[in-house]
Amino acid sequence: MRYLIVSIVCILFAVPVVAADSNLPSEKCQNSDFSIVGKNNGADYRYKMNETLKIRVTGGCFSDVNHIVKQGLSKNVVLYLDDIKMTDLHVDGPQIEGDGLILPFRLARDSENESSRATWNKLLSKHRGKGYGMTLPLAIAIGNEPAWLIPEPTEPFQFYIVEKTVAELTIIVCLALFLSALYLLVKSPSALRDEKGGYYSLGKSQMAFWGLLVALAFAGIWFVTGTMEHIPDQVLILIGISGATGLSSVVIGENKKSTNASKIEVHRKNLRDEQKLLETRKKDDANAFTQGNKERLEEINAEISELSQQPAAVHSAGFWRDICNDGNGLSFHRLQVVIWTIILGVVFIVDVSEVISMPEFSNTLLMLMGISSGTYLGFKIPEKV
């Protein structure tokens, strides 16, 4: 009995010690314990991408949050923007200021981090079409507890990626550069053509279209955000499809030219052999050389002369007609590639301009583009050179 009493007393004395060392919050937080620290002496609540948002913690939450931070568990303090959990925004250098704790969160998007990119894309897509500035409700979660809604300050908290005028001007400049570059390539006698001054190549045109679009989008995002944008795998696959289509179309065209040149050379050799045979026969016995032999020799001479002449210059019918023409007129397999390239291009431009991020196309769209390009290459083999 004596041992039982001693054990009970020891347990009772040990309980407060365990409770004191526990990481669980000792007091309940309240919404009023949190507030946003405004910039410019608390007068400005507009925060830009890559700026540091400061949350002040006071009251009952102060000791709990301070305890978590001191133990190096800052990841347990999570910021919510418009009900979206920003798991990759961590407390960056907390400081005690007066009777409160300042929690700085740098509003940065790591484009190389898939989780960060997905979270920010979710937030920005939620406000698609609403401009580049957005009023967002803020909340903060401590440990495993539900998130606490941070009361709005005197002026509502606003987040923006870039100033509207800067974004619109950048979009206009990039589109102007894109269209100007395409125009210069179309006017070039060789850049987008199968041969100098010849027909325009659909494969080369598609490759130039996506190459210019992605390059200018990358440069534009870097200019307005100051960060190197991650190029998603889907965009790289799209560039790869257009590049492979352009390269394959050139190879097919060159092989067909080489094959035709070989056929012409074989035909010319056969004609010369027959010409030589008839001339020898005429020289050996002019009387036995019939009228039919004379006419045939004249035909051979005319045909050899025609084959020896330079081929007639190929004249383009215009950019749009050439890329949609298979040599026999408008072809649907070419038109299909042109239509889907333009549609995906428009989607790409709108997505970049609204979300300020490289879009990630679905696998279905990429398969559709690949099938269209493969169909074009398949039908190109029997086309006229």
Protein backbone atom coordinates (compact mmCIF):
# COMPACT_ATOMS: atom_id res chain seq x y z
CA MET A 1 0.00 0.00 0.00
CA ARG A 2 2.87 2.31 0.90
CA TYR A 3 4.46 1.79 -2.55
CA LEU A 4 1.13 2.57 -4.25
CA ILE A 5 0.77 5.92 -2.44
CA VAL A 6 4.36 6.91 -3.35
CA SER A 7 3.75 6.07 -7.03
CA ILE A 8 0.54 8.17 -7.15
CA VAL A 9 2.33 11.17 -5.61
CA CYS A 10 5.19 10.91 -8.14
CA ILE A 11 2.76 10.80 -11.04
CA LEU A 12 0.88 13.86 -9.78
CA PHE A 13 4.14 15.86 -9.53
CA ALA A 14 5.27 14.71 -13.01
CA VAL A 15 2.09 15.78 -14.85
CA PRO A 16 2.77 19.57 -14.72
CA VAL A 17 6.32 18.98 -15.98
CA VAL A 18 5.07 17.01 -18.98
CA ALA A 19 2.41 19.61 -19.71
CA ALA A 20 4.99 22.40 -19.54
CA ASP A 21 7.23 20.68 -22.09
CA SER A 22 4.36 19.83 -24.44
CA ASN A 23 4.32 21.45 -27.91
CA LEU A 24 0.56 21.74 -27.80
CA PRO A 25 -0.81 25.28 -27.51
CA SER A 26 -1.47 26.18 -23.88
CA GLU A 27 -3.97 28.93 -24.68
CA LYS A 28 -6.64 29.28 -27.33
CA CYS A 29 -6.00 31.82 -30.10
CA GLN A 30 -8.51 34.41 -31.27
CA ASN A 31 -8.91 36.17 -34.60
CA SER A 32 -8.11 39.47 -32.91
CA ASP A 33 -4.65 38.13 -31.97
CA PHE A 34 -3.55 38.54 -35.60
CA SER A 35 -3.13 41.68 -37.67
CA ILE A 36 -1.46 42.75 -40.91
CA VAL A 37 1.47 45.14 -40.63
CA GLY A 38 1.07 47.77 -43.34
CA LYS A 39 3.97 49.25 -45.28
CA ASN A 40 4.98 52.92 -45.07
CA ASN A 41 4.25 53.25 -41.36
CA GLY A 42 1.12 51.11 -41.59
CA ALA A 43 -0.62 53.15 -44.30
CA ASP A 44 -0.14 50.86 -47.31
CA TYR A 45 -1.67 47.38 -47.54
CA ARG A 46 -0.86 46.73 -51.22
CA TYR A 47 1.76 44.03 -51.51
CA LYS A 48 3.54 42.99 -54.68
CA MET A 49 4.93 39.61 -55.67
CA ASN A 50 8.34 39.03 -54.01
CA GLU A 51 7.63 41.57 -51.25
CA THR A 52 7.53 40.52 -47.58
CA LEU A 53 4.15 40.43 -45.84
CA LYS A 54 4.35 40.85 -42.05
CA ILE A 55 1.75 39.37 -39.68
CA ARG A 56 1.70 40.58 -36.07
CA VAL A 57 0.75 38.07 -33.35
CA THR A 58 -0.33 39.26 -29.89
CA GLY A 59 -2.60 38.15 -27.03
CA GLY A 60 -3.09 34.50 -26.23
CA CYS A 61 -1.43 33.31 -29.45
CA PHE A 62 1.82 35.15 -28.77
CA SER A 63 3.31 32.59 -26.36
CA ASP A 64 2.14 29.61 -28.43
CA VAL A 65 3.55 30.89 -31.73
CA ASN A 66 6.73 32.13 -30.06
CA HIS A 67 7.21 28.70 -28.50
CA ILE A 68 6.80 26.98 -31.89
CA VAL A 69 9.21 29.40 -33.60
CA LYS A 70 11.86 29.02 -30.90
CA GLN A 71 11.81 25.25 -31.35
CA GLY A 72 12.52 25.70 -35.07
CA LEU A 73 9.06 24.56 -36.11
CA SER A 74 8.23 27.60 -38.26
CA LYS A 75 6.81 25.30 -40.95
CA ASN A 76 3.94 24.64 -38.55
CA VAL A 77 2.83 28.24 -39.10
CA VAL A 78 1.02 28.28 -42.46
CA LEU A 79 -0.40 31.25 -44.36
CA TYR A 80 -3.65 31.01 -46.33
CA LEU A 81 -4.41 33.36 -49.25
CA ASP A 82 -8.07 33.33 -50.27
CA ASP A 83 -8.57 29.91 -48.57
CA ILE A 84 -5.61 28.42 -50.46
CA LYS A 85 -2.94 26.86 -48.28
CA MET A 86 0.42 28.37 -49.28
CA THR A 87 2.49 25.45 -48.06
CA ASP A 88 5.75 26.81 -49.50
CA LEU A 89 5.53 30.23 -47.83
CA HIS A 90 7.38 29.85 -44.53
CA VAL A 91 8.13 32.28 -41.73
CA ASP A 92 11.33 34.11 -42.66
CA GLY A 93 13.17 35.53 -39.63
CA PRO A 94 10.49 36.14 -36.95
CA GLN A 95 11.11 39.00 -34.52
CA ILE A 96 9.69 40.06 -31.17
CA GLU A 97 8.50 43.66 -31.36
CA GLY A 98 7.02 45.22 -28.23
CA ASP A 99 4.27 42.96 -26.90
CA GLY A 100 3.91 41.08 -30.17
CA LEU A 101 5.67 38.67 -32.52
CA ILE A 102 6.26 39.66 -36.18
CA LEU A 103 5.99 36.79 -38.68
CA PRO A 104 7.44 37.76 -42.09
CA PHE A 105 6.24 35.82 -45.16
CA ARG A 106 8.01 36.52 -48.44
CA LEU A 107 5.37 36.36 -51.19
CA ALA A 108 7.67 34.57 -53.63
CA ARG A 109 6.84 31.99 -56.28
CA ASP A 110 9.54 29.39 -56.90
CA SER A 111 8.94 28.43 -60.53
CA GLU A 112 11.32 25.47 -60.25
CA ASN A 113 9.41 24.02 -57.29
CA GLU A 114 6.42 22.06 -58.56
CA SER A 115 4.46 22.46 -55.30
CA SER A 116 5.04 26.23 -55.18
CA ARG A 117 4.22 26.65 -58.86
CA ALA A 118 1.01 24.62 -58.56
CA THR A 119 -0.16 26.55 -55.48
CA TRP A 120 0.44 29.96 -57.03
CA ASN A 121 -1.14 28.90 -60.32
CA LYS A 122 -4.21 27.77 -58.39
CA LEU A 123 -4.45 31.15 -56.64
CA LEU A 124 -3.86 33.22 -59.79
CA SER A 125 -6.21 31.07 -61.90
CA LYS A 126 -8.91 31.63 -59.27
CA HIS A 127 -8.72 35.36 -60.05
CA ARG A 128 -8.33 34.92 -63.80
CA GLY A 129 -9.78 37.80 -65.77
CA LYS A 130 -10.00 40.09 -62.74
CA GLY A 131 -6.87 42.08 -63.54
CA TYR A 132 -3.44 41.96 -61.95
CA GLY A 133 -4.49 43.26 -58.51
CA MET A 134 -6.71 41.21 -56.19
CA THR A 135 -8.24 41.70 -52.76
CA LEU A 136 -7.51 38.55 -50.76
CA PRO A 137 -8.77 37.37 -47.36
CA LEU A 138 -5.87 36.20 -45.19
CA ALA A 139 -5.79 33.41 -42.62
CA ILE A 140 -3.10 31.72 -40.60
CA ALA A 141 -2.93 28.22 -39.15
CA ILE A 142 -0.90 27.30 -36.05
CA GLY A 143 0.14 23.67 -35.90
CA ASN A 144 -2.76 21.32 -36.57
CA GLU A 145 -5.42 23.80 -35.47
CA PRO A 146 -7.93 25.29 -37.94
CA ALA A 147 -6.84 28.47 -39.72
CA TRP A 148 -7.67 31.78 -38.04
CA LEU A 149 -9.08 34.51 -40.27
CA ILE A 150 -7.01 37.67 -39.96
CA PRO A 151 -9.23 40.73 -39.51
CA GLU A 152 -9.14 43.25 -42.35
CA PRO A 153 -7.15 46.39 -41.60
CA THR A 154 -8.47 49.92 -42.22
CA GLU A 155 -7.71 49.40 -45.91
CA PRO A 156 -8.31 45.93 -47.42
CA PHE A 157 -5.25 43.81 -48.09
CA GLN A 158 -4.44 43.74 -51.82
CA PHE A 159 -1.99 41.56 -53.68
CA TYR A 160 -0.72 42.26 -57.17
CA ILE A 161 1.82 40.62 -59.46
CA VAL A 162 2.67 43.72 -61.44
CA GLU A 163 1.21 47.14 -62.06
CA LYS A 164 -1.56 46.97 -64.66
CA THR A 165 0.06 49.52 -66.98
CA VAL A 166 3.39 47.65 -66.91
CA ALA A 167 1.68 44.32 -67.64
CA GLU A 168 -0.41 45.68 -70.51
CA LEU A 169 2.55 47.51 -72.04
CA THR A 170 4.70 44.35 -71.80
CA ILE A 171 1.99 42.27 -73.49
CA ILE A 172 1.61 44.81 -76.30
CA VAL A 173 5.38 45.02 -76.87
CA CYS A 174 5.80 41.22 -76.87
CA LEU A 175 2.91 40.74 -79.31
CA ALA A 176 4.31 43.47 -81.56
CA LEU A 177 7.74 41.81 -81.52
CA PHE A 178 6.16 38.41 -82.22
CA LEU A 179 4.15 39.65 -85.21
CA SER A 180 7.08 41.70 -86.54
CA ALA A 181 9.45 38.73 -86.32
CA LEU A 182 6.93 36.49 -88.09
CA TYR A 183 6.42 39.13 -90.78
CA LEU A 184 10.18 39.39 -91.40
CA LEU A 185 10.49 35.60 -91.59
CA VAL A 186 7.61 35.44 -94.09
CA LYS A 187 9.23 38.16 -96.20
CA SER A 188 12.59 36.40 -96.14
CA PRO A 189 13.31 34.53 -99.41
CA SER A 190 14.59 31.45 -97.58
CA ALA A 191 13.77 31.39 -93.82
CA LEU A 192 10.39 29.62 -94.04
CA ARG A 193 10.64 28.20 -97.57
CA ASP A 194 11.64 24.82 -98.92
CA GLU A 195 14.17 26.54 -101.18
CA LYS A 196 15.16 30.12 -101.91
CA GLY A 197 12.18 31.90 -103.45
CA GLY A 198 10.17 28.66 -103.44
CA TYR A 199 7.06 27.46 -101.62
CA TYR A 200 6.56 28.18 -97.91
CA SER A 201 7.07 25.17 -95.62
CA LEU A 202 4.32 24.36 -93.12
CA GLY A 203 6.78 22.49 -90.88
CA LYS A 204 9.26 25.39 -90.74
CA SER A 205 6.44 27.89 -90.17
CA GLN A 206 5.05 25.90 -87.23
CA MET A 207 8.52 25.58 -85.70
CA ALA A 208 9.12 29.34 -86.01
CA PHE A 209 5.67 30.10 -84.53
CA TRP A 210 6.20 28.13 -81.31
CA GLY A 211 9.87 29.04 -80.96
CA LEU A 212 9.14 32.78 -81.09
CA LEU A 213 6.04 32.52 -78.88
CA VAL A 214 7.76 30.64 -76.04
CA ALA A 215 10.90 32.80 -76.19
CA LEU A 216 8.96 36.07 -75.98
CA ALA A 217 6.66 34.72 -73.24
CA PHE A 218 9.70 33.70 -71.20
CA ALA A 219 11.30 37.14 -71.69
CA GLY A 220 8.04 38.95 -70.86
CA ILE A 221 7.48 37.00 -67.60
CA TRP A 222 11.09 37.60 -66.59
CA PHE A 223 10.67 41.35 -67.23
CA VAL A 224 7.51 41.80 -65.13
CA THR A 225 8.34 39.39 -62.28
CA GLY A 226 12.14 39.50 -62.19
CA THR A 227 12.32 35.69 -62.01
CA MET A 228 13.34 33.03 -64.51
CA GLU A 229 10.11 31.24 -65.38
CA HIS A 230 10.01 27.45 -65.42
CA ILE A 231 9.14 26.03 -68.83
CA PRO A 232 6.74 23.10 -68.23
CA ASP A 233 7.34 19.71 -69.82
CA GLN A 234 4.17 20.12 -71.90
CA VAL A 235 5.53 23.29 -73.54
CA LEU A 236 8.85 21.55 -74.24
CA ILE A 237 6.97 18.63 -75.80
CA LEU A 238 5.02 21.10 -77.96
CA ILE A 239 8.27 22.72 -79.13
CA GLY A 240 9.68 19.23 -79.74
CA ILE A 241 6.65 18.26 -81.85
CA SER A 242 6.95 21.41 -83.98
CA GLY A 243 10.73 20.98 -84.30
CA ALA A 244 10.41 17.31 -85.27
CA THR A 245 7.67 18.21 -87.78
CA GLY A 246 9.84 20.91 -89.37
CA LEU A 247 12.91 18.68 -89.54
CA SER A 248 10.95 15.71 -90.91
CA SER A 249 9.29 17.84 -93.59
CA VAL A 250 12.71 19.09 -94.75
CA VAL A 251 14.13 15.54 -94.81
CA ILE A 252 11.11 14.22 -96.76
CA GLY A 253 11.38 17.11 -99.23
CA GLU A 254 15.11 16.60 -99.75
CA ASN A 255 14.70 12.83 -100.21
CA LYS A 256 12.00 13.38 -102.81
CA LYS A 257 14.21 15.87 -104.67
CA SER A 258 17.13 13.44 -104.56
CA THR A 259 14.93 10.58 -105.78
CA ASN A 260 13.53 12.66 -108.64
CA ALA A 261 17.03 13.82 -109.60
CA SER A 262 18.22 10.18 -109.70
CA LYS A 263 15.25 9.18 -111.88
CA ILE A 264 15.92 12.06 -114.27
CA GLU A 265 19.61 11.14 -114.49
CA VAL A 266 18.80 7.48 -115.24
CA HIS A 267 16.27 8.56 -117.90
CA ARG A 268 18.82 10.94 -119.46
CA LYS A 269 21.44 8.15 -119.60
CA ASN A 270 18.96 5.79 -121.32
CA LEU A 271 18.11 8.50 -123.85
CA ARG A 272 21.79 9.14 -124.62
CA ASP A 273 22.44 5.43 -125.07
CA GLU A 274 19.53 5.19 -127.52
CA GLN A 275 20.71 8.40 -129.23
CA LYS A 276 24.18 6.98 -129.67
CA LEU A 277 22.79 3.72 -131.07
CA LEU A 278 20.62 5.51 -133.66
CA GLU A 279 23.43 7.86 -134.73
CA THR A 280 25.77 4.87 -135.20
CA ARG A 281 23.13 3.08 -137.26
CA LYS A 282 22.61 6.20 -139.39
CA LYS A 283 26.33 6.58 -139.95
CA ASP A 284 26.88 2.91 -140.91
CA ASP A 285 24.02 2.70 -143.41
CA ALA A 286 22.20 5.93 -144.23
CA ASN A 287 19.96 4.21 -146.77
CA ALA A 288 18.66 1.73 -144.15
CA PHE A 289 17.89 4.54 -141.69
CA THR A 290 14.11 4.77 -141.87
CA GLN A 291 11.84 7.78 -141.45
CA GLY A 292 10.69 6.36 -138.10
CA ASN A 293 14.29 6.25 -136.89
CA LYS A 294 14.78 9.88 -137.93
CA GLU A 295 11.66 11.01 -136.04
CA ARG A 296 12.69 9.05 -132.97
CA LEU A 297 16.18 10.59 -133.03
CA GLU A 298 14.64 14.06 -133.24
CA GLU A 299 12.39 13.29 -130.25
CA ILE A 300 15.37 12.06 -128.24
CA ASN A 301 17.44 15.15 -129.07
CA ALA A 302 14.56 17.44 -128.05
CA GLU A 303 13.96 15.55 -124.80
CA ILE A 304 17.68 15.57 -123.88
CA SER A 305 17.81 19.29 -124.59
CA GLU A 306 14.76 19.84 -122.39
CA LEU A 307 16.23 17.80 -119.53
CA SER A 308 19.52 19.72 -119.77
CA GLN A 309 17.80 23.04 -119.25
CA GLN A 310 17.44 24.53 -115.78
CA PRO A 311 14.09 23.65 -114.17
CA ALA A 312 11.54 26.42 -114.26
CA ALA A 313 11.56 28.67 -111.22
CA VAL A 314 8.97 27.80 -108.58
CA HIS A 315 6.69 30.71 -107.73
CA SER A 316 4.95 30.99 -104.37
CA ALA A 317 1.20 31.56 -104.35
CA GLY A 318 1.45 33.36 -100.99
CA PHE A 319 2.16 32.29 -97.41
CA TRP A 320 -1.32 31.06 -96.40
CA ARG A 321 -1.98 29.33 -99.72
CA ASP A 322 1.36 27.58 -99.69
CA ILE A 323 1.13 26.14 -96.17
CA CYS A 324 -2.42 24.88 -96.84
CA ASN A 325 -1.66 23.55 -100.34
CA ASP A 326 -0.32 20.05 -101.04
CA GLY A 327 0.36 20.73 -104.74
CA ASN A 328 -3.16 19.83 -105.82
CA GLY A 329 -4.98 22.61 -104.00
CA LEU A 330 -6.28 23.07 -100.46
CA SER A 331 -5.70 19.96 -98.30
CA PHE A 332 -7.51 19.23 -95.05
CA HIS A 333 -4.57 17.58 -93.29
CA ARG A 334 -2.52 20.77 -93.71
CA LEU A 335 -5.45 23.01 -92.76
CA GLN A 336 -5.97 20.93 -89.61
CA VAL A 337 -2.38 21.59 -88.44
CA VAL A 338 -2.74 25.33 -89.14
CA ILE A 339 -6.05 25.59 -87.25
CA TRP A 340 -4.85 23.74 -84.12
CA THR A 341 -1.57 25.66 -84.08
CA ILE A 342 -3.46 28.97 -84.09
CA ILE A 343 -5.97 27.79 -81.43
CA LEU A 344 -3.27 26.57 -79.03
CA GLY A 345 -1.26 29.72 -79.73
CA VAL A 346 -4.19 31.93 -78.70
CA VAL A 347 -4.77 29.82 -75.55
CA PHE A 348 -1.05 30.11 -74.74
CA ILE A 349 -1.05 33.92 -75.12
CA VAL A 350 -4.22 34.41 -73.03
CA ASP A 351 -2.95 32.09 -70.28
CA VAL A 352 0.43 33.83 -70.03
CA SER A 353 -1.13 37.32 -70.06
CA GLU A 354 -3.70 36.51 -67.32
CA VAL A 355 -1.76 34.21 -64.97
CA ILE A 356 1.78 35.48 -65.74
CA SER A 357 2.97 31.89 -65.95
CA MET A 358 3.73 29.33 -68.63
CA PRO A 359 0.63 27.20 -69.22
CA GLU A 360 0.61 23.44 -68.86
CA PHE A 361 -1.35 21.88 -71.71
CA SER A 362 -3.22 18.65 -71.12
CA ASN A 363 -1.87 15.41 -72.55
CA THR A 364 -4.99 15.18 -74.73
CA LEU A 365 -4.16 18.44 -76.51
CA LEU A 366 -0.54 17.38 -76.98
CA MET A 367 -1.68 14.05 -78.45
CA LEU A 368 -4.03 15.91 -80.77
CA MET A 369 -1.19 18.14 -81.95
CA GLY A 370 1.08 15.14 -82.41
CA ILE A 371 -1.55 13.24 -84.41
CA SER A 372 -2.18 16.28 -86.63
CA SER A 373 1.55 16.71 -87.29
CA GLY A 374 2.01 12.99 -87.92
CA THR A 375 -0.90 12.97 -90.38
CA TYR A 376 0.61 15.96 -92.19
CA LEU A 377 3.98 14.19 -92.53
CA GLY A 378 2.30 10.99 -93.72
CA PHE A 379 0.40 12.80 -96.47
CA LYS A 380 3.47 14.85 -97.39
CA ILE A 381 5.32 11.81 -98.73
CA PRO A 382 3.18 11.43 -101.91
CA GLU A 383 2.82 15.22 -102.38
CA LYS A 384 4.40 16.97 -105.34
CA VAL A 385 7.86 18.39 -104.69
